[in-house]
Amino acid sequence: MPQTRKDTDSLRTLEIPADGLYGAFAIRGQENFDISFRKRRDTPEPLNALGHIKQAAAAANRDLGALDADIVDANTRASIEIRNGRHAEQVMVDLLEGSVGIWINMNVNEVIANRALNILGQNPGTNSRVHPNVHVNARQSTNEVLLAAVKLAVHDNAEAPVDALGQLAARLEERAKAFEDVLRVGRTCMLPAQPTCHRQAFGGYAPSIRRPEQKLSEARDGMRVLPLGGAAIGTGLGSAPDCRAAVYRKRGRSVAGITTGPTGDQSRRAGNCFPSVSTPSSPWRSRRASSSTNASPESKWKRSGPSKICCNRQAINGTRVETWIRRGVRTRAGIGERTP
């Protein structure tokens, strides 16, 4: 059995390992964008999501009569393997490849096409039977499928930080109740100022965590709006008129609204694909980081200051007065007044 096979593109003929599922496009991408020390395969979540999209696209093309049933079945099986994390070693393009993702998309298309050929009992590289662009990428554009895959990966990965922020906020709320009667010195300009209690402090930290939790949850929900069917620039040119509806149905998703599908997740079709093919902003990152970094150093400052603090509450002439004992020195301050 030969150790290599030949794959030809418009420039020259390339030697590829006989068992390799990638093709000339992947090699070109590796040669042209040998930039970083990481490959696309090192972040498997977008690749798994891309396999999911390719699976849905193959089924949609079958329903629209664009592909033969045997090719669709082979493409679907190969796409499911990609979705389940197999063949990641065949994705060799650099993580920082300098385009919208054409080389990554075509690398995956080549892997699916050649794996489909194996399933059909043929040798990899027989592009006349299953072609990476003609059959696997039929009625698709890199702009839509890569962005959709990234958004789905972000949506899935954002579940953990949303849950973590919710648990942190709940814990802070519990501590606020537990510390209801624990008094402490409030500070201004890092100096002891007015009396307060831990209930008020922790009661303030909890909402500061709830806000970024809500913003992150909203941003995660926005990742469900996908540009599938918008083709290269959002006009739908290059896609069939019914392709958008078909691909969403095959993903087990609703076109008109949010509907839970067989996969258990939910998504919405982008009403206008022009803004959807641009990179979504993520302002929640700074909000979440700001709230967390504010609470953390404040907790450290609370541990500094007077080594021994206690408080007696009493009323003098109808005015509530706090008597503080700091390092053995007795001082008084009415509520709302600065301590010495």
Protein backbone atom coordinates (compact mmCIF):
# COMPACT_ATOMS: atom_id res chain seq x y z
CA MET A 1 0.00 0.00 0.00
CA PRO A 2 1.47 3.41 -0.91
CA GLN A 3 2.53 5.60 1.97
CA THR A 4 1.36 8.81 0.32
CA ARG A 5 -1.32 10.03 -2.06
CA LYS A 6 -1.35 13.00 -4.39
CA ASP A 7 -3.66 15.99 -4.03
CA THR A 8 -3.60 18.69 -6.68
CA ASP A 9 -4.69 22.29 -6.42
CA SER A 10 -4.35 25.19 -8.86
CA LEU A 11 -0.67 25.66 -8.03
CA ARG A 12 0.91 22.23 -7.86
CA THR A 13 0.57 18.61 -6.82
CA LEU A 14 1.14 17.88 -3.14
CA GLU A 15 2.17 14.70 -1.35
CA ILE A 16 -0.14 13.78 1.54
CA PRO A 17 0.05 10.77 3.87
CA ALA A 18 -2.18 8.00 2.56
CA ASP A 19 -4.20 7.87 5.78
CA GLY A 20 -4.48 11.66 6.08
CA LEU A 21 -7.98 13.08 5.88
CA TYR A 22 -6.85 16.63 5.16
CA GLY A 23 -6.02 17.92 1.70
CA ALA A 24 -4.25 20.60 -0.28
CA PHE A 25 -6.25 23.44 1.27
CA ALA A 26 -5.13 22.48 4.77
CA ILE A 27 -1.50 22.29 3.70
CA ARG A 28 -1.74 25.70 2.03
CA GLY A 29 -3.26 27.12 5.17
CA GLN A 30 -0.52 25.64 7.31
CA GLU A 31 2.19 27.02 5.03
CA ASN A 32 0.69 30.48 4.66
CA PHE A 33 -0.29 30.99 8.30
CA ASP A 34 2.42 29.35 10.36
CA ILE A 35 2.07 32.12 12.95
CA SER A 36 1.59 30.81 16.47
CA PHE A 37 2.40 27.70 18.46
CA ARG A 38 -1.27 26.69 18.65
CA LYS A 39 -3.49 24.99 16.10
CA ARG A 40 -7.21 25.20 15.62
CA ARG A 41 -7.52 21.67 16.97
CA ASP A 42 -6.24 22.91 20.35
CA THR A 43 -9.63 24.55 20.98
CA PRO A 44 -12.05 21.70 20.24
CA GLU A 45 -15.34 23.41 21.13
CA PRO A 46 -15.68 25.44 17.88
CA LEU A 47 -14.70 22.38 15.86
CA ASN A 48 -17.35 20.28 17.58
CA ALA A 49 -19.95 22.99 16.93
CA LEU A 50 -18.82 23.19 13.29
CA GLY A 51 -19.41 19.45 12.97
CA HIS A 52 -22.93 20.00 14.29
CA ILE A 53 -23.55 22.70 11.68
CA LYS A 54 -22.16 20.55 8.85
CA GLN A 55 -24.43 17.72 9.95
CA ALA A 56 -27.48 19.98 9.78
CA ALA A 57 -26.40 21.47 6.45
CA ALA A 58 -26.03 18.03 4.89
CA ALA A 59 -29.53 17.02 5.97
CA ALA A 60 -30.95 20.33 4.75
CA ASN A 61 -29.33 19.88 1.34
CA ARG A 62 -30.85 16.42 1.08
CA ASP A 63 -34.32 17.80 1.78
CA LEU A 64 -33.77 20.50 -0.86
CA GLY A 65 -32.64 17.94 -3.42
CA ALA A 66 -29.11 19.33 -3.67
CA LEU A 67 -27.28 16.13 -2.69
CA ASP A 68 -27.79 12.42 -3.20
CA ALA A 69 -28.92 10.42 -0.21
CA ASP A 70 -25.79 8.24 -0.02
CA ILE A 71 -23.49 11.28 0.00
CA VAL A 72 -25.63 12.95 2.65
CA ASP A 73 -25.55 9.84 4.84
CA ALA A 74 -21.76 9.60 4.57
CA ASN A 75 -21.31 13.33 5.21
CA THR A 76 -23.64 13.12 8.18
CA ARG A 77 -21.73 10.25 9.76
CA ALA A 78 -18.43 12.06 9.22
CA SER A 79 -19.86 15.31 10.65
CA ILE A 80 -21.11 13.49 13.74
CA GLU A 81 -17.60 12.15 14.29
CA ILE A 82 -16.24 15.71 14.11
CA ARG A 83 -18.95 16.85 16.49
CA ASN A 84 -17.94 14.12 18.94
CA GLY A 85 -14.30 15.24 18.91
CA ARG A 86 -12.81 12.72 16.53
CA HIS A 87 -10.23 13.53 13.81
CA ALA A 88 -9.10 16.72 15.58
CA GLU A 89 -5.49 15.84 14.73
CA GLN A 90 -6.40 16.27 11.04
CA VAL A 91 -7.20 19.97 11.57
CA MET A 92 -3.75 21.45 11.14
CA VAL A 93 -4.40 25.14 10.34
CA ASP A 94 -2.99 27.70 12.76
CA LEU A 95 -5.30 29.11 15.40
CA LEU A 96 -4.42 32.65 14.25
CA GLU A 97 -4.88 32.08 10.52
CA GLY A 98 -5.27 35.47 8.90
CA SER A 99 -8.70 35.37 7.29
CA VAL A 100 -12.31 35.05 8.32
CA GLY A 101 -11.69 31.34 8.75
CA ILE A 102 -11.66 30.07 5.16
CA TRP A 103 -8.69 27.80 5.74
CA ILE A 104 -10.22 26.33 8.90
CA ASN A 105 -13.58 25.77 7.21
CA MET A 106 -11.97 24.13 4.19
CA ASN A 107 -9.70 22.03 6.37
CA VAL A 108 -12.78 20.65 8.14
CA ASN A 109 -14.58 20.23 4.80
CA GLU A 110 -11.65 18.17 3.53
CA VAL A 111 -11.67 15.97 6.63
CA ILE A 112 -15.43 15.37 6.33
CA ALA A 113 -15.21 14.69 2.57
CA ASN A 114 -12.33 12.22 2.87
CA ARG A 115 -13.90 10.50 5.86
CA ALA A 116 -17.15 10.25 3.89
CA LEU A 117 -15.20 8.62 1.07
CA ASN A 118 -13.87 6.06 3.54
CA ILE A 119 -17.43 5.36 4.67
CA LEU A 120 -18.45 4.90 1.02
CA GLY A 121 -15.59 2.44 0.54
CA GLN A 122 -13.39 4.73 -1.54
CA ASN A 123 -9.94 6.18 -1.05
CA PRO A 124 -9.42 9.72 0.29
CA GLY A 125 -8.84 12.32 -2.38
CA THR A 126 -11.46 11.00 -4.80
CA ASN A 127 -12.96 14.45 -5.06
CA SER A 128 -15.22 13.62 -7.99
CA ARG A 129 -17.36 11.49 -5.64
CA VAL A 130 -17.38 13.70 -2.52
CA HIS A 131 -15.80 17.11 -2.97
CA PRO A 132 -14.98 19.31 0.06
CA ASN A 133 -16.44 22.44 -1.51
CA VAL A 134 -19.08 21.08 -3.88
CA HIS A 135 -20.67 18.58 -1.51
CA VAL A 136 -19.63 19.29 2.08
CA ASN A 137 -19.74 23.09 1.80
CA ALA A 138 -22.79 23.15 -0.50
CA ARG A 139 -24.91 26.32 -0.10
CA GLN A 140 -22.73 27.58 2.74
CA SER A 141 -20.19 30.33 3.31
CA THR A 142 -17.29 30.43 5.72
CA ASN A 143 -18.59 33.75 7.05
CA GLU A 144 -21.80 32.21 8.30
CA VAL A 145 -20.75 28.75 9.42
CA LEU A 146 -17.56 29.77 11.25
CA LEU A 147 -19.26 32.59 13.12
CA ALA A 148 -22.20 30.34 13.97
CA ALA A 149 -19.82 27.68 15.27
CA VAL A 150 -17.94 30.19 17.43
CA LYS A 151 -21.20 31.58 18.81
CA LEU A 152 -22.47 28.10 19.69
CA ALA A 153 -19.16 27.29 21.38
CA VAL A 154 -19.28 30.52 23.39
CA HIS A 155 -22.89 29.81 24.33
CA ASP A 156 -22.03 26.35 25.65
CA ASN A 157 -18.87 27.48 27.47
CA ALA A 158 -20.60 30.47 29.07
CA GLU A 159 -22.92 28.24 31.05
CA ALA A 160 -20.24 27.48 33.66
CA PRO A 161 -19.34 31.13 34.48
CA VAL A 162 -23.04 32.10 34.62
CA ASP A 163 -23.65 29.32 37.14
CA ALA A 164 -20.50 30.24 39.09
CA LEU A 165 -21.53 33.90 39.37
CA GLY A 166 -24.99 32.86 40.53
CA GLN A 167 -23.52 30.61 43.20
CA LEU A 168 -21.15 33.35 44.34
CA ALA A 169 -23.99 35.89 44.62
CA ALA A 170 -26.12 33.42 46.55
CA ARG A 171 -23.24 32.75 48.93
CA LEU A 172 -22.73 36.46 49.52
CA GLU A 173 -26.44 36.86 50.26
CA GLU A 174 -26.20 34.05 52.79
CA ARG A 175 -23.20 35.71 54.44
CA ALA A 176 -25.09 39.00 54.61
CA LYS A 177 -27.77 37.33 56.71
CA ALA A 178 -25.24 35.43 58.81
CA PHE A 179 -23.24 38.63 59.56
CA GLU A 180 -26.29 40.78 60.29
CA ASP A 181 -25.16 41.78 63.77
CA VAL A 182 -21.40 41.86 63.15
CA LEU A 183 -20.18 45.45 63.30
CA ARG A 184 -17.13 46.93 61.64
CA VAL A 185 -15.48 50.23 60.81
CA GLY A 186 -16.35 51.75 57.47
CA ARG A 187 -13.50 53.50 55.67
CA THR A 188 -13.04 56.56 53.52
CA CYS A 189 -9.66 57.27 51.94
CA MET A 190 -8.48 54.05 53.61
CA LEU A 191 -8.97 55.56 57.07
CA PRO A 192 -11.52 54.50 59.71
CA ALA A 193 -14.65 56.57 59.19
CA GLN A 194 -18.21 55.58 60.09
CA PRO A 195 -19.63 52.51 61.77
CA THR A 196 -21.32 49.90 59.61
CA CYS A 197 -21.93 46.18 59.68
CA HIS A 198 -20.97 43.24 57.53
CA ARG A 199 -24.59 42.73 56.53
CA GLN A 200 -24.53 46.01 54.65
CA ALA A 201 -21.18 45.28 53.02
CA PHE A 202 -21.98 41.76 51.87
CA GLY A 203 -25.48 42.87 50.96
CA GLY A 204 -23.83 45.30 48.55
CA TYR A 205 -21.44 42.76 47.09
CA ALA A 206 -24.23 40.37 46.09
CA PRO A 207 -25.99 42.79 43.68
CA SER A 208 -22.61 43.75 42.20
CA ILE A 209 -22.23 40.09 41.22
CA ARG A 210 -25.86 39.64 40.18
CA ARG A 211 -25.54 42.42 37.60
CA PRO A 212 -22.69 40.85 35.58
CA GLU A 213 -24.41 37.47 35.98
CA GLN A 214 -27.48 38.92 34.30
CA LYS A 215 -25.42 40.66 31.61
CA LEU A 216 -23.45 37.49 30.90
CA SER A 217 -26.67 35.50 30.73
CA GLU A 218 -28.11 38.02 28.27
CA ALA A 219 -24.93 37.91 26.18
CA ARG A 220 -25.05 34.12 26.23
CA ASP A 221 -28.63 34.22 25.03
CA GLY A 222 -27.50 36.48 22.19
CA MET A 223 -25.12 33.75 21.03
CA ARG A 224 -28.21 31.75 20.02
CA VAL A 225 -28.93 34.18 17.19
CA LEU A 226 -27.19 32.53 14.25
CA PRO A 227 -26.50 33.82 10.71
CA LEU A 228 -26.95 30.43 9.02
CA GLY A 229 -28.38 30.88 5.54
CA GLY A 230 -26.98 34.38 5.20
CA ALA A 231 -24.07 33.16 3.03
CA ALA A 232 -21.02 35.40 2.64
CA ILE A 233 -22.28 38.89 3.52
CA GLY A 234 -25.80 38.37 4.82
CA THR A 235 -27.79 38.65 1.58
CA GLY A 236 -28.36 34.92 1.25
CA LEU A 237 -26.67 34.91 -2.16
CA GLY A 238 -25.27 31.44 -2.80
CA SER A 239 -27.85 29.81 -0.55
CA ALA A 240 -31.15 28.33 -1.64
CA PRO A 241 -34.37 30.26 -0.83
CA ASP A 242 -35.51 27.59 1.63
CA CYS A 243 -32.06 26.75 2.95
CA ARG A 244 -32.32 28.84 6.12
CA ALA A 245 -35.55 27.21 7.24
CA ALA A 246 -34.27 23.74 6.35
CA VAL A 247 -30.97 24.01 8.20
CA TYR A 248 -32.68 25.28 11.35
CA ARG A 249 -35.21 22.46 11.22
CA LYS A 250 -32.42 19.94 10.91
CA ARG A 251 -30.68 21.46 13.90
CA GLY A 252 -33.89 20.82 15.83
CA ARG A 253 -34.46 24.55 16.14
CA SER A 254 -37.24 26.98 15.38
CA VAL A 255 -37.02 29.56 12.62
CA ALA A 256 -39.66 31.89 14.00
CA GLY A 257 -38.77 31.89 17.68
CA ILE A 258 -37.16 29.92 20.47
CA THR A 259 -38.04 26.26 20.51
CA THR A 260 -36.30 23.47 22.34
CA GLY A 261 -35.09 20.92 19.84
CA PRO A 262 -33.86 17.33 20.05
CA THR A 263 -30.42 18.56 21.12
CA GLY A 264 -31.93 20.23 24.19
CA ASP A 265 -30.65 23.69 23.35
CA GLN A 266 -32.38 26.70 21.81
CA SER A 267 -31.52 29.26 19.18
CA ARG A 268 -33.05 31.93 16.98
CA ARG A 269 -32.56 32.77 13.35
CA ALA A 270 -31.06 36.18 12.77
CA GLY A 271 -33.75 38.40 11.26
CA ASN A 272 -31.08 40.46 9.51
CA CYS A 273 -27.86 38.61 8.76
CA PHE A 274 -25.83 41.73 7.95
CA PRO A 275 -25.04 42.59 11.60
CA SER A 276 -24.98 38.92 12.52
CA VAL A 277 -21.94 38.16 10.36
CA SER A 278 -19.89 40.71 12.29
CA THR A 279 -18.12 39.85 15.51
CA PRO A 280 -20.42 40.37 18.51
CA SER A 281 -19.21 42.69 21.25
CA SER A 282 -18.78 41.45 24.78
CA PRO A 283 -19.18 44.35 27.23
CA TRP A 284 -20.14 41.94 30.00
CA ARG A 285 -16.50 40.88 30.34
CA SER A 286 -15.42 44.24 31.73
CA ARG A 287 -18.48 44.47 33.98
CA ARG A 288 -17.91 41.05 35.45
CA ALA A 289 -14.20 41.69 35.98
CA SER A 290 -14.84 45.12 37.52
CA SER A 291 -17.38 43.85 40.05
CA SER A 292 -15.20 40.94 41.08
CA THR A 293 -12.02 42.99 41.42
CA ASN A 294 -13.83 45.63 43.49
CA ALA A 295 -15.13 43.13 46.03
CA SER A 296 -11.87 41.25 46.41
CA PRO A 297 -9.54 44.05 47.64
CA GLU A 298 -12.26 45.51 49.84
CA SER A 299 -12.41 42.21 51.69
CA LYS A 300 -8.67 42.49 52.33
CA TRP A 301 -8.92 46.07 53.65
CA LYS A 302 -11.55 44.95 56.16
CA ARG A 303 -8.93 42.79 57.81
CA SER A 304 -6.63 45.76 58.46
CA GLY A 305 -7.04 48.56 60.98
CA PRO A 306 -7.89 48.40 64.70
CA SER A 307 -6.83 45.17 66.28
CA LYS A 308 -9.82 45.13 68.63
CA ILE A 309 -13.16 46.70 67.87
CA CYS A 310 -16.40 46.54 69.75
CA CYS A 311 -19.44 48.78 69.81
CA ASN A 312 -22.03 49.82 72.36
CA ARG A 313 -25.27 51.29 71.07
CA GLN A 314 -27.05 53.79 73.26
CA ALA A 315 -29.33 56.81 73.02
CA ILE A 316 -28.43 60.21 74.44
CA ASN A 317 -31.12 62.89 74.34
CA GLY A 318 -33.00 60.90 71.69
CA THR A 319 -29.97 60.62 69.38
CA ARG A 320 -28.49 57.19 68.64
CA VAL A 321 -24.78 57.22 69.40
CA GLU A 322 -22.15 54.62 68.64
CA THR A 323 -19.37 54.27 71.23
CA TRP A 324 -16.34 52.66 69.67
CA ILE A 325 -13.38 51.24 71.48
CA ARG A 326 -10.29 51.18 69.32
CA ARG A 327 -7.07 49.87 70.83
CA GLY A 328 -8.25 50.91 74.22
CA VAL A 329 -9.08 54.53 73.21
CA ARG A 330 -12.76 55.45 73.68
CA THR A 331 -14.23 57.77 71.04
CA ARG A 332 -17.76 58.81 70.13
CA ALA A 333 -19.48 59.73 66.92
CA GLY A 334 -23.08 60.36 66.13
CA ILE A 335 -24.46 58.48 63.16
CA GLY A 336 -23.55 60.44 60.06
CA GLU A 337 -20.49 62.02 61.66
CA ARG A 338 -16.89 61.14 60.92
CA THR A 339 -14.97 59.48 63.72
CA PRO A 340 -11.70 61.05 64.85
